[in-house]
């Protein structure tokens, strides 16, 4: 089976909703991106990947500059795949804004990804429902998605740029990106996630970076493992556990501070550095003292509360929602 872009295509795997892939009918500035698919009988996850044509030499200097320090080009390394989290850049503040989307997309292609393949990911219809069943306050104040009317032009713009769009009903874009990221890494590529969403910080590693739109300076900015450690004084492997204590106000996930006001970031970081993960910490606290009385009491009394936060905040991997059981996307090297 071969699915080519810019033709419109879809890959399905019952009983799950289809992956919607779309690109332009005629190329514009950016080279067409191609997805190759072949039947697979493997039950383990494979990787979806894309290959793009090389841009002229005059258009490639920025990539070298972004990859190096002190004006010294970065040494050759693994190929990169970009996943663009579309929904957050479709808003200016709390209001939908096609202009904001167009501006950030233009800057993304002008300064961030010049020759690497880009896959755009959107929230599927009803993508929040799983987490809202666990925690009714989850994103209760938000209205997200491409929506209707003028905002439906977002997909049209991506088509004009020959960018494939992935949208799976019943699943949030964050989980789709996490799944695709894991599978691309298995193929030996690096991943850059274009998003302001701090949920993705739990994925940061030597081979996974973020590039975030910064409204205050009007540009995208790379955020790496080095930046994370400098900011939080801990490893990203503890990020998810730490956020279970601190909560996520933007997503409507309350932290433990409103239950135990004295339990702050410093206490959480200290305990996680010693015990590694939230689950290890809670299991240990259940059988012996791990900290001061207020911290010990909080861990025992509110263990279920913290575990629920973990379930809500963790990014899910679904083996690409079983789609890879029927279609094996092969990642090819791009020049």
C-alpha atoms as a PDB file:
ATOM      1  CA  UNK A   1       0.000   0.000   0.000  1.00  0.00           C
ATOM      2  CA  UNK A   2       1.384   3.413  -0.916  1.00  0.00           C
ATOM      3  CA  UNK A   3       0.029   6.699   0.348  1.00  0.00           C
ATOM      4  CA  UNK A   4       1.485   9.723  -1.374  1.00  0.00           C
ATOM      5  CA  UNK A   5       1.158  13.347  -0.477  1.00  0.00           C
ATOM      6  CA  UNK A   6      -0.041  15.850  -1.697  1.00  0.00           C
ATOM      7  CA  UNK A   7      -2.916  13.490  -2.554  1.00  0.00           C
ATOM      8  CA  UNK A   8      -5.489  13.214   0.213  1.00  0.00           C
ATOM      9  CA  UNK A   9      -5.420   9.872   1.976  1.00  0.00           C
ATOM     10  CA  UNK A  10      -6.353   8.114   5.196  1.00  0.00           C
ATOM     11  CA  UNK A  11      -5.142   5.121   7.141  1.00  0.00           C
ATOM     12  CA  UNK A  12      -7.612   3.284   9.298  1.00  0.00           C
ATOM     13  CA  UNK A  13      -7.519   0.522  11.831  1.00  0.00           C
ATOM     14  CA  UNK A  14     -10.851  -0.680  13.189  1.00  0.00           C
ATOM     15  CA  UNK A  15     -12.337   0.117  15.550  1.00  0.00           C
ATOM     16  CA  UNK A  16     -10.408   3.318  15.876  1.00  0.00           C
ATOM     17  CA  UNK A  17     -11.036   6.570  14.021  1.00  0.00           C
ATOM     18  CA  UNK A  18      -9.004   7.309  10.890  1.00  0.00           C
ATOM     19  CA  UNK A  19      -5.796   9.226  10.674  1.00  0.00           C
ATOM     20  CA  UNK A  20      -6.509  12.121   8.356  1.00  0.00           C
ATOM     21  CA  UNK A  21      -3.620  13.104   6.157  1.00  0.00           C
ATOM     22  CA  UNK A  22      -3.856  16.042   3.793  1.00  0.00           C
ATOM     23  CA  UNK A  23      -1.645  18.222   1.650  1.00  0.00           C
ATOM     24  CA  UNK A  24      -1.921  20.603  -1.235  1.00  0.00           C
ATOM     25  CA  UNK A  25      -2.961  19.617  -4.709  1.00  0.00           C
ATOM     26  CA  UNK A  26      -0.112  21.686  -6.144  1.00  0.00           C
ATOM     27  CA  UNK A  27       3.210  22.504  -4.460  1.00  0.00           C
ATOM     28  CA  UNK A  28       4.084  25.955  -3.233  1.00  0.00           C
ATOM     29  CA  UNK A  29       7.280  27.062  -1.579  1.00  0.00           C
ATOM     30  CA  UNK A  30       7.896  23.884   0.366  1.00  0.00           C
ATOM     31  CA  UNK A  31       8.782  20.531  -1.201  1.00  0.00           C
ATOM     32  CA  UNK A  32       6.155  17.797  -1.252  1.00  0.00           C
ATOM     33  CA  UNK A  33       6.363  15.371   1.648  1.00  0.00           C
ATOM     34  CA  UNK A  34       5.818  11.698   1.021  1.00  0.00           C
ATOM     35  CA  UNK A  35       4.663   8.984   3.357  1.00  0.00           C
ATOM     36  CA  UNK A  36       5.430   5.442   2.290  1.00  0.00           C
ATOM     37  CA  UNK A  37       3.290   2.689   3.725  1.00  0.00           C
ATOM     38  CA  UNK A  38       3.500  -1.061   3.346  1.00  0.00           C
ATOM     39  CA  UNK A  39       1.462  -3.907   4.874  1.00  0.00           C
ATOM     40  CA  UNK A  40       2.788  -5.240   8.133  1.00  0.00           C
ATOM     41  CA  UNK A  41       1.974  -8.252  10.251  1.00  0.00           C
ATOM     42  CA  UNK A  42       4.082  -7.086  13.173  1.00  0.00           C
ATOM     43  CA  UNK A  43       2.257  -6.346  16.410  1.00  0.00           C
ATOM     44  CA  UNK A  44       5.021  -4.140  17.800  1.00  0.00           C
ATOM     45  CA  UNK A  45       5.010  -0.407  17.043  1.00  0.00           C
ATOM     46  CA  UNK A  46       6.622   0.818  13.867  1.00  0.00           C
ATOM     47  CA  UNK A  47       7.455   4.351  12.912  1.00  0.00           C
ATOM     48  CA  UNK A  48       5.814   6.837  10.641  1.00  0.00           C
ATOM     49  CA  UNK A  49       8.193   9.052   8.792  1.00  0.00           C
ATOM     50  CA  UNK A  50       8.480  11.416   5.994  1.00  0.00           C
ATOM     51  CA  UNK A  51      11.034  12.402   3.443  1.00  0.00           C
ATOM     52  CA  UNK A  52      11.404  15.756   1.795  1.00  0.00           C
ATOM     53  CA  UNK A  53      13.430  17.180  -1.045  1.00  0.00           C
ATOM     54  CA  UNK A  54      16.498  19.310  -0.407  1.00  0.00           C
ATOM     55  CA  UNK A  55      16.071  23.052  -0.536  1.00  0.00           C
ATOM     56  CA  UNK A  56      18.530  25.249  -2.437  1.00  0.00           C
ATOM     57  CA  UNK A  57      21.851  25.958  -0.623  1.00  0.00           C
ATOM     58  CA  UNK A  58      20.828  29.574  -0.061  1.00  0.00           C
ATOM     59  CA  UNK A  59      17.924  28.416   2.103  1.00  0.00           C
ATOM     60  CA  UNK A  60      19.926  26.101   4.352  1.00  0.00           C
ATOM     61  CA  UNK A  61      22.220  28.436   6.246  1.00  0.00           C
ATOM     62  CA  UNK A  62      19.789  29.040   9.101  1.00  0.00           C
ATOM     63  CA  UNK A  63      19.602  25.342   9.947  1.00  0.00           C
ATOM     64  CA  UNK A  64      23.364  25.213  10.416  1.00  0.00           C
ATOM     65  CA  UNK A  65      23.272  28.359  12.519  1.00  0.00           C
ATOM     66  CA  UNK A  66      20.509  27.006  14.747  1.00  0.00           C
ATOM     67  CA  UNK A  67      22.395  23.779  15.277  1.00  0.00           C
ATOM     68  CA  UNK A  68      25.730  25.265  16.407  1.00  0.00           C
ATOM     69  CA  UNK A  69      27.252  27.588  18.957  1.00  0.00           C
ATOM     70  CA  UNK A  70      29.444  30.671  18.586  1.00  0.00           C
ATOM     71  CA  UNK A  71      28.725  30.746  14.854  1.00  0.00           C
ATOM     72  CA  UNK A  72      30.320  27.294  14.484  1.00  0.00           C
ATOM     73  CA  UNK A  73      28.083  24.893  12.509  1.00  0.00           C
ATOM     74  CA  UNK A  74      26.942  21.828  14.409  1.00  0.00           C
ATOM     75  CA  UNK A  75      28.631  18.568  13.525  1.00  0.00           C
ATOM     76  CA  UNK A  76      26.663  16.158  11.330  1.00  0.00           C
ATOM     77  CA  UNK A  77      24.157  14.175  13.379  1.00  0.00           C
ATOM     78  CA  UNK A  78      20.966  12.171  13.137  1.00  0.00           C
ATOM     79  CA  UNK A  79      18.193  13.371  10.895  1.00  0.00           C
ATOM     80  CA  UNK A  80      15.374  15.349  12.505  1.00  0.00           C
ATOM     81  CA  UNK A  81      11.618  15.033  12.274  1.00  0.00           C
ATOM     82  CA  UNK A  82       9.434  17.950  13.395  1.00  0.00           C
ATOM     83  CA  UNK A  83       5.995  17.489  14.928  1.00  0.00           C
ATOM     84  CA  UNK A  84       3.987  20.705  14.944  1.00  0.00           C
ATOM     85  CA  UNK A  85       1.307  20.959  17.644  1.00  0.00           C
ATOM     86  CA  UNK A  86      -1.145  23.132  15.724  1.00  0.00           C
ATOM     87  CA  UNK A  87      -3.917  23.985  18.183  1.00  0.00           C
ATOM     88  CA  UNK A  88      -1.957  26.228  20.585  1.00  0.00           C
ATOM     89  CA  UNK A  89      -0.676  28.512  17.821  1.00  0.00           C
ATOM     90  CA  UNK A  90      -4.228  29.088  16.551  1.00  0.00           C
ATOM     91  CA  UNK A  91      -4.954  31.371  19.505  1.00  0.00           C
ATOM     92  CA  UNK A  92      -3.992  34.863  20.534  1.00  0.00           C
ATOM     93  CA  UNK A  93      -4.621  34.792  24.260  1.00  0.00           C
ATOM     94  CA  UNK A  94      -7.939  32.984  24.698  1.00  0.00           C
ATOM     95  CA  UNK A  95      -9.294  34.019  21.302  1.00  0.00           C
ATOM     96  CA  UNK A  96      -9.037  32.100  18.073  1.00  0.00           C
ATOM     97  CA  UNK A  97      -6.834  33.926  15.604  1.00  0.00           C
ATOM     98  CA  UNK A  98      -6.080  32.844  12.069  1.00  0.00           C
ATOM     99  CA  UNK A  99      -3.584  35.698  11.922  1.00  0.00           C
ATOM    100  CA  UNK A 100      -1.642  34.318  14.892  1.00  0.00           C
ATOM    101  CA  UNK A 101      -1.530  30.897  13.267  1.00  0.00           C
ATOM    102  CA  UNK A 102      -0.323  32.310   9.941  1.00  0.00           C
ATOM    103  CA  UNK A 103       2.373  34.368  11.644  1.00  0.00           C
ATOM    104  CA  UNK A 104       3.766  31.531  13.734  1.00  0.00           C
ATOM    105  CA  UNK A 105       3.634  29.107  10.812  1.00  0.00           C
ATOM    106  CA  UNK A 106       5.486  31.564   8.579  1.00  0.00           C
ATOM    107  CA  UNK A 107       8.195  32.053  11.211  1.00  0.00           C
ATOM    108  CA  UNK A 108       8.411  28.293  11.710  1.00  0.00           C
ATOM    109  CA  UNK A 109       9.217  27.618   8.067  1.00  0.00           C
ATOM    110  CA  UNK A 110      11.408  30.686   7.669  1.00  0.00           C
ATOM    111  CA  UNK A 111      13.661  30.102  10.678  1.00  0.00           C
ATOM    112  CA  UNK A 112      13.124  26.680  12.231  1.00  0.00           C
ATOM    113  CA  UNK A 113      12.531  23.859   9.757  1.00  0.00           C
ATOM    114  CA  UNK A 114      13.960  24.520   6.326  1.00  0.00           C
ATOM    115  CA  UNK A 115      14.632  21.024   5.040  1.00  0.00           C
ATOM    116  CA  UNK A 116      13.508  18.563   7.703  1.00  0.00           C
ATOM    117  CA  UNK A 117      10.136  16.814   7.362  1.00  0.00           C
ATOM    118  CA  UNK A 118       7.240  18.368   9.287  1.00  0.00           C
ATOM    119  CA  UNK A 119       4.047  16.631  10.413  1.00  0.00           C
ATOM    120  CA  UNK A 120       1.200  18.741  11.811  1.00  0.00           C
ATOM    121  CA  UNK A 121      -0.921  17.207  14.563  1.00  0.00           C
ATOM    122  CA  UNK A 122      -4.402  18.338  15.651  1.00  0.00           C
ATOM    123  CA  UNK A 123      -6.664  17.333  18.536  1.00  0.00           C
ATOM    124  CA  UNK A 124      -9.252  14.791  17.488  1.00  0.00           C
ATOM    125  CA  UNK A 125     -12.957  15.268  18.143  1.00  0.00           C
ATOM    126  CA  UNK A 126     -13.648  14.320  21.757  1.00  0.00           C
ATOM    127  CA  UNK A 127      -9.948  14.044  22.499  1.00  0.00           C
ATOM    128  CA  UNK A 128     -10.329  15.468  26.004  1.00  0.00           C
ATOM    129  CA  UNK A 129     -13.081  13.130  27.131  1.00  0.00           C
ATOM    130  CA  UNK A 130     -10.857  10.425  28.611  1.00  0.00           C
ATOM    131  CA  UNK A 131      -9.112  12.877  30.941  1.00  0.00           C
ATOM    132  CA  UNK A 132     -12.300  14.784  31.708  1.00  0.00           C
ATOM    133  CA  UNK A 133     -13.889  11.585  32.955  1.00  0.00           C
ATOM    134  CA  UNK A 134     -10.989  11.266  35.375  1.00  0.00           C
ATOM    135  CA  UNK A 135     -10.958  14.959  36.296  1.00  0.00           C
ATOM    136  CA  UNK A 136     -13.968  17.097  35.269  1.00  0.00           C
ATOM    137  CA  UNK A 137     -11.957  20.333  35.645  1.00  0.00           C
ATOM    138  CA  UNK A 138      -9.471  19.223  32.971  1.00  0.00           C
ATOM    139  CA  UNK A 139      -9.381  21.957  30.293  1.00  0.00           C
ATOM    140  CA  UNK A 140     -12.955  22.812  31.242  1.00  0.00           C
ATOM    141  CA  UNK A 141     -12.315  26.513  30.566  1.00  0.00           C
ATOM    142  CA  UNK A 142     -10.873  25.960  27.100  1.00  0.00           C
ATOM    143  CA  UNK A 143     -12.273  25.686  23.612  1.00  0.00           C
ATOM    144  CA  UNK A 144      -9.720  24.028  21.414  1.00  0.00           C
ATOM    145  CA  UNK A 145      -9.509  22.534  17.940  1.00  0.00           C
ATOM    146  CA  UNK A 146      -9.766  23.821  14.419  1.00  0.00           C
ATOM    147  CA  UNK A 147     -13.481  24.376  14.792  1.00  0.00           C
ATOM    148  CA  UNK A 148     -15.769  25.798  12.149  1.00  0.00           C
ATOM    149  CA  UNK A 149     -15.923  28.945  10.071  1.00  0.00           C
ATOM    150  CA  UNK A 150     -12.753  30.913   9.493  1.00  0.00           C
ATOM    151  CA  UNK A 151     -10.619  28.554  11.586  1.00  0.00           C
ATOM    152  CA  UNK A 152     -11.265  25.675   9.200  1.00  0.00           C
ATOM    153  CA  UNK A 153      -8.822  27.503   6.931  1.00  0.00           C
ATOM    154  CA  UNK A 154      -6.004  26.337   9.193  1.00  0.00           C
ATOM    155  CA  UNK A 155      -6.020  22.952   7.479  1.00  0.00           C
ATOM    156  CA  UNK A 156      -6.219  24.651   4.085  1.00  0.00           C
ATOM    157  CA  UNK A 157      -3.070  26.648   4.871  1.00  0.00           C
ATOM    158  CA  UNK A 158      -1.225  23.498   5.908  1.00  0.00           C
ATOM    159  CA  UNK A 159      -2.317  21.862   2.657  1.00  0.00           C
ATOM    160  CA  UNK A 160      -0.909  24.794   0.717  1.00  0.00           C
ATOM    161  CA  UNK A 161       2.417  24.194   2.476  1.00  0.00           C
ATOM    162  CA  UNK A 162       2.353  20.486   1.610  1.00  0.00           C
ATOM    163  CA  UNK A 163       2.346  19.550   5.297  1.00  0.00           C
ATOM    164  CA  UNK A 164       0.585  16.293   6.238  1.00  0.00           C
ATOM    165  CA  UNK A 165      -2.038  16.643   8.962  1.00  0.00           C
ATOM    166  CA  UNK A 166      -2.705  13.909  11.533  1.00  0.00           C
ATOM    167  CA  UNK A 167      -5.922  14.009  13.539  1.00  0.00           C
ATOM    168  CA  UNK A 168      -7.397  11.025  15.373  1.00  0.00           C
ATOM    169  CA  UNK A 169     -10.886  11.290  16.815  1.00  0.00           C
ATOM    170  CA  UNK A 170     -11.040  10.539  20.506  1.00  0.00           C
ATOM    171  CA  UNK A 171      -7.374  11.369  21.117  1.00  0.00           C
ATOM    172  CA  UNK A 172      -5.529  14.547  22.007  1.00  0.00           C
ATOM    173  CA  UNK A 173      -2.719  15.824  19.828  1.00  0.00           C
ATOM    174  CA  UNK A 174      -0.305  15.519  22.782  1.00  0.00           C
ATOM    175  CA  UNK A 175      -0.759  11.743  22.929  1.00  0.00           C
ATOM    176  CA  UNK A 176      -0.423  11.362  19.164  1.00  0.00           C
ATOM    177  CA  UNK A 177       2.822  13.355  19.215  1.00  0.00           C
ATOM    178  CA  UNK A 178       4.165  11.281  22.124  1.00  0.00           C
ATOM    179  CA  UNK A 179       3.373   8.067  20.262  1.00  0.00           C
ATOM    180  CA  UNK A 180       4.941   9.208  17.003  1.00  0.00           C
ATOM    181  CA  UNK A 181       7.966  10.579  18.857  1.00  0.00           C
ATOM    182  CA  UNK A 182       8.689   7.255  20.494  1.00  0.00           C
ATOM    183  CA  UNK A 183       8.475   5.430  17.203  1.00  0.00           C
ATOM    184  CA  UNK A 184      10.633   7.902  15.282  1.00  0.00           C
ATOM    185  CA  UNK A 185      13.296   7.612  17.984  1.00  0.00           C
ATOM    186  CA  UNK A 186      13.273   3.841  17.534  1.00  0.00           C
ATOM    187  CA  UNK A 187      14.285   4.421  13.925  1.00  0.00           C
ATOM    188  CA  UNK A 188      17.343   6.422  14.976  1.00  0.00           C
ATOM    189  CA  UNK A 189      16.051   9.920  14.251  1.00  0.00           C
ATOM    190  CA  UNK A 190      15.892  12.949  16.505  1.00  0.00           C
ATOM    191  CA  UNK A 191      12.607  14.730  17.199  1.00  0.00           C
ATOM    192  CA  UNK A 192      11.755  18.399  17.588  1.00  0.00           C
ATOM    193  CA  UNK A 193       8.267  19.229  18.910  1.00  0.00           C
ATOM    194  CA  UNK A 194       6.939  22.652  17.967  1.00  0.00           C
ATOM    195  CA  UNK A 195       4.637  23.671  20.802  1.00  0.00           C
ATOM    196  CA  UNK A 196       4.319  26.017  23.794  1.00  0.00           C
ATOM    197  CA  UNK A 197       2.712  23.195  25.796  1.00  0.00           C
ATOM    198  CA  UNK A 198       4.768  22.312  28.877  1.00  0.00           C
ATOM    199  CA  UNK A 199       3.243  18.816  28.856  1.00  0.00           C
ATOM    200  CA  UNK A 200       5.905  17.923  26.302  1.00  0.00           C
ATOM    201  CA  UNK A 201       8.736  18.642  28.745  1.00  0.00           C
ATOM    202  CA  UNK A 202       8.301  15.112  30.087  1.00  0.00           C
ATOM    203  CA  UNK A 203       9.597  13.872  26.700  1.00  0.00           C
ATOM    204  CA  UNK A 204      12.809  15.922  26.626  1.00  0.00           C
ATOM    205  CA  UNK A 205      16.039  13.975  26.221  1.00  0.00           C
ATOM    206  CA  UNK A 206      19.281  14.143  24.265  1.00  0.00           C
ATOM    207  CA  UNK A 207      17.288  13.277  21.146  1.00  0.00           C
ATOM    208  CA  UNK A 208      14.055  15.165  21.857  1.00  0.00           C
ATOM    209  CA  UNK A 209      13.912  18.963  21.897  1.00  0.00           C
ATOM    210  CA  UNK A 210      11.135  21.490  21.985  1.00  0.00           C
ATOM    211  CA  UNK A 211      10.880  24.640  19.920  1.00  0.00           C
ATOM    212  CA  UNK A 212       8.466  27.073  21.515  1.00  0.00           C
ATOM    213  CA  UNK A 213       6.739  30.196  20.183  1.00  0.00           C
ATOM    214  CA  UNK A 214       7.628  33.112  22.459  1.00  0.00           C
ATOM    215  CA  UNK A 215       5.151  35.994  21.987  1.00  0.00           C
ATOM    216  CA  UNK A 216       7.284  38.414  24.021  1.00  0.00           C
ATOM    217  CA  UNK A 217      10.111  38.267  21.492  1.00  0.00           C
ATOM    218  CA  UNK A 218       8.092  37.267  18.445  1.00  0.00           C
ATOM    219  CA  UNK A 219      10.041  34.170  17.490  1.00  0.00           C
ATOM    220  CA  UNK A 220      10.428  30.446  18.044  1.00  0.00           C
ATOM    221  CA  UNK A 221      13.036  29.406  20.605  1.00  0.00           C
ATOM    222  CA  UNK A 222      14.630  25.987  21.081  1.00  0.00           C
ATOM    223  CA  UNK A 223      14.352  24.377  24.512  1.00  0.00           C
ATOM    224  CA  UNK A 224      16.717  21.486  25.180  1.00  0.00           C
ATOM    225  CA  UNK A 225      17.775  19.110  27.924  1.00  0.00           C
ATOM    226  CA  UNK A 226      20.380  21.647  29.015  1.00  0.00           C
ATOM    227  CA  UNK A 227      17.727  24.348  29.366  1.00  0.00           C
ATOM    228  CA  UNK A 228      15.473  22.041  31.375  1.00  0.00           C
ATOM    229  CA  UNK A 229      18.156  21.080  33.892  1.00  0.00           C
ATOM    230  CA  UNK A 230      19.186  24.720  34.299  1.00  0.00           C
ATOM    231  CA  UNK A 231      15.571  25.765  34.940  1.00  0.00           C
ATOM    232  CA  UNK A 232      14.331  22.973  37.206  1.00  0.00           C
ATOM    233  CA  UNK A 233      17.557  21.554  38.736  1.00  0.00           C
ATOM    234  CA  UNK A 234      16.414  18.020  38.003  1.00  0.00           C
ATOM    235  CA  UNK A 235      16.194  15.544  35.146  1.00  0.00           C
ATOM    236  CA  UNK A 236      13.181  15.543  32.766  1.00  0.00           C
ATOM    237  CA  UNK A 237      12.467  11.959  33.824  1.00  0.00           C
ATOM    238  CA  UNK A 238      11.112  13.486  37.046  1.00  0.00           C
ATOM    239  CA  UNK A 239       9.071  16.164  35.261  1.00  0.00           C
ATOM    240  CA  UNK A 240       5.789  14.281  35.210  1.00  0.00           C
ATOM    241  CA  UNK A 241       6.061  13.258  38.868  1.00  0.00           C
ATOM    242  CA  UNK A 242       6.925  16.824  39.847  1.00  0.00           C
ATOM    243  CA  UNK A 243       3.924  18.234  37.999  1.00  0.00           C
ATOM    244  CA  UNK A 244       1.644  15.837  39.871  1.00  0.00           C
ATOM    245  CA  UNK A 245       2.577  17.742  43.021  1.00  0.00           C
ATOM    246  CA  UNK A 246       2.570  21.207  41.456  1.00  0.00           C
ATOM    247  CA  UNK A 247      -0.502  20.743  39.255  1.00  0.00           C
ATOM    248  CA  UNK A 248      -1.157  22.487  35.957  1.00  0.00           C
ATOM    249  CA  UNK A 249      -3.300  25.582  36.261  1.00  0.00           C
ATOM    250  CA  UNK A 250      -3.504  26.048  32.490  1.00  0.00           C
ATOM    251  CA  UNK A 251      -5.056  22.579  32.090  1.00  0.00           C
ATOM    252  CA  UNK A 252      -7.282  22.807  35.166  1.00  0.00           C
ATOM    253  CA  UNK A 253      -5.280  20.237  37.151  1.00  0.00           C
ATOM    254  CA  UNK A 254      -4.923  21.353  40.795  1.00  0.00           C
ATOM    255  CA  UNK A 255      -1.717  20.646  42.698  1.00  0.00           C
ATOM    256  CA  UNK A 256      -1.347  19.418  46.221  1.00  0.00           C
ATOM    257  CA  UNK A 257      -0.711  22.908  47.637  1.00  0.00           C
ATOM    258  CA  UNK A 258      -4.402  23.641  48.131  1.00  0.00           C
ATOM    259  CA  UNK A 259      -4.595  20.532  50.326  1.00  0.00           C
ATOM    260  CA  UNK A 260      -1.190  20.881  52.014  1.00  0.00           C
ATOM    261  CA  UNK A 261      -0.045  24.521  51.687  1.00  0.00           C
ATOM    262  CA  UNK A 262       3.454  23.787  53.008  1.00  0.00           C
ATOM    263  CA  UNK A 263       4.149  21.154  50.352  1.00  0.00           C
ATOM    264  CA  UNK A 264       5.930  23.109  47.630  1.00  0.00           C
ATOM    265  CA  UNK A 265       8.312  22.554  44.736  1.00  0.00           C
ATOM    266  CA  UNK A 266      11.407  22.389  46.935  1.00  0.00           C
ATOM    267  CA  UNK A 267       9.970  19.534  49.001  1.00  0.00           C
ATOM    268  CA  UNK A 268       8.780  17.659  45.918  1.00  0.00           C
ATOM    269  CA  UNK A 269      12.127  17.980  44.111  1.00  0.00           C
ATOM    270  CA  UNK A 270      14.037  16.796  47.182  1.00  0.00           C
ATOM    271  CA  UNK A 271      11.860  13.705  47.598  1.00  0.00           C
ATOM    272  CA  UNK A 272      11.880  12.841  43.888  1.00  0.00           C
ATOM    273  CA  UNK A 273      15.654  13.142  43.661  1.00  0.00           C
ATOM    274  CA  UNK A 274      15.901  10.486  46.357  1.00  0.00           C
ATOM    275  CA  UNK A 275      13.109   8.168  45.229  1.00  0.00           C
ATOM    276  CA  UNK A 276      13.070   8.730  41.457  1.00  0.00           C
ATOM    277  CA  UNK A 277       9.386   8.537  40.549  1.00  0.00           C
ATOM    278  CA  UNK A 278       6.070   9.374  42.133  1.00  0.00           C
ATOM    279  CA  UNK A 279       5.063   5.717  42.345  1.00  0.00           C
ATOM    280  CA  UNK A 280       8.314   4.726  44.080  1.00  0.00           C
ATOM    281  CA  UNK A 281       7.898   7.608  46.497  1.00  0.00           C
ATOM    282  CA  UNK A 282       4.290   6.738  47.343  1.00  0.00           C
ATOM    283  CA  UNK A 283       5.079   3.044  47.771  1.00  0.00           C
ATOM    284  CA  UNK A 284       7.968   3.831  50.091  1.00  0.00           C
ATOM    285  CA  UNK A 285       5.939   6.345  52.105  1.00  0.00           C
ATOM    286  CA  UNK A 286       3.294   3.673  52.663  1.00  0.00           C
ATOM    287  CA  UNK A 287       5.725   1.501  54.618  1.00  0.00           C
ATOM    288  CA  UNK A 288       8.203   3.932  56.206  1.00  0.00           C
ATOM    289  CA  UNK A 289       8.867   7.599  56.847  1.00  0.00           C
ATOM    290  CA  UNK A 290      10.389   9.445  53.901  1.00  0.00           C
ATOM    291  CA  UNK A 291      10.360  13.051  55.109  1.00  0.00           C
ATOM    292  CA  UNK A 292       9.053  15.560  57.609  1.00  0.00           C
ATOM    293  CA  UNK A 293       5.737  14.911  59.286  1.00  0.00           C
ATOM    294  CA  UNK A 294       3.702  17.205  57.004  1.00  0.00           C
ATOM    295  CA  UNK A 295       5.198  15.637  53.872  1.00  0.00           C
ATOM    296  CA  UNK A 296       4.796  12.097  55.182  1.00  0.00           C
ATOM    297  CA  UNK A 297       1.156  12.708  56.102  1.00  0.00           C
ATOM    298  CA  UNK A 298       0.455  14.280  52.692  1.00  0.00           C
ATOM    299  CA  UNK A 299       1.952  11.347  50.790  1.00  0.00           C
ATOM    300  CA  UNK A 300      -0.064   8.797  52.738  1.00  0.00           C
ATOM    301  CA  UNK A 301      -3.341  10.709  52.925  1.00  0.00           C
ATOM    302  CA  UNK A 302      -3.368  12.030  49.356  1.00  0.00           C
ATOM    303  CA  UNK A 303      -1.727   9.142  47.489  1.00  0.00           C
ATOM    304  CA  UNK A 304      -4.816   8.475  45.368  1.00  0.00           C
ATOM    305  CA  UNK A 305      -5.098  12.179  44.544  1.00  0.00           C
ATOM    306  CA  UNK A 306      -1.507  12.257  43.281  1.00  0.00           C
ATOM    307  CA  UNK A 307      -1.970   9.064  41.281  1.00  0.00           C
ATOM    308  CA  UNK A 308      -5.016  10.556  39.589  1.00  0.00           C
ATOM    309  CA  UNK A 309      -2.966  13.634  38.653  1.00  0.00           C
ATOM    310  CA  UNK A 310      -0.362  11.280  37.193  1.00  0.00           C
ATOM    311  CA  UNK A 311      -2.981   9.536  35.070  1.00  0.00           C
ATOM    312  CA  UNK A 312      -4.323  12.859  33.788  1.00  0.00           C
ATOM    313  CA  UNK A 313      -0.965  14.522  33.101  1.00  0.00           C
ATOM    314  CA  UNK A 314       0.967  11.608  31.597  1.00  0.00           C
ATOM    315  CA  UNK A 315       1.155  11.434  27.811  1.00  0.00           C
ATOM    316  CA  UNK A 316      -0.199   8.159  26.471  1.00  0.00           C
ATOM    317  CA  UNK A 317       1.364   5.807  23.950  1.00  0.00           C
ATOM    318  CA  UNK A 318      -1.023   3.584  22.043  1.00  0.00           C
ATOM    319  CA  UNK A 319       1.317   1.810  19.634  1.00  0.00           C
ATOM    320  CA  UNK A 320       0.001   4.377  17.188  1.00  0.00           C
ATOM    321  CA  UNK A 321      -3.530   3.344  18.144  1.00  0.00           C
ATOM    322  CA  UNK A 322      -3.044  -0.106  16.590  1.00  0.00           C
ATOM    323  CA  UNK A 323      -2.826   1.467  13.145  1.00  0.00           C
ATOM    324  CA  UNK A 324       0.648   0.006  12.861  1.00  0.00           C
ATOM    325  CA  UNK A 325      -0.825  -3.459  13.179  1.00  0.00           C
ATOM    326  CA  UNK A 326      -2.194  -3.034   9.664  1.00  0.00           C
ATOM    327  CA  UNK A 327       0.023  -0.342   8.110  1.00  0.00           C
ATOM    328  CA  UNK A 328       3.763  -0.077   8.657  1.00  0.00           C
ATOM    329  CA  UNK A 329       5.025   3.406   7.852  1.00  0.00           C
ATOM    330  CA  UNK A 330       8.628   3.148   6.736  1.00  0.00           C
ATOM    331  CA  UNK A 331      10.990   5.976   7.590  1.00  0.00           C
ATOM    332  CA  UNK A 332      13.333   6.800   4.714  1.00  0.00           C
ATOM    333  CA  UNK A 333      16.427   8.971   4.797  1.00  0.00           C
ATOM    334  CA  UNK A 334      15.942  12.393   3.292  1.00  0.00           C
ATOM    335  CA  UNK A 335      18.548  14.485   1.487  1.00  0.00           C
END
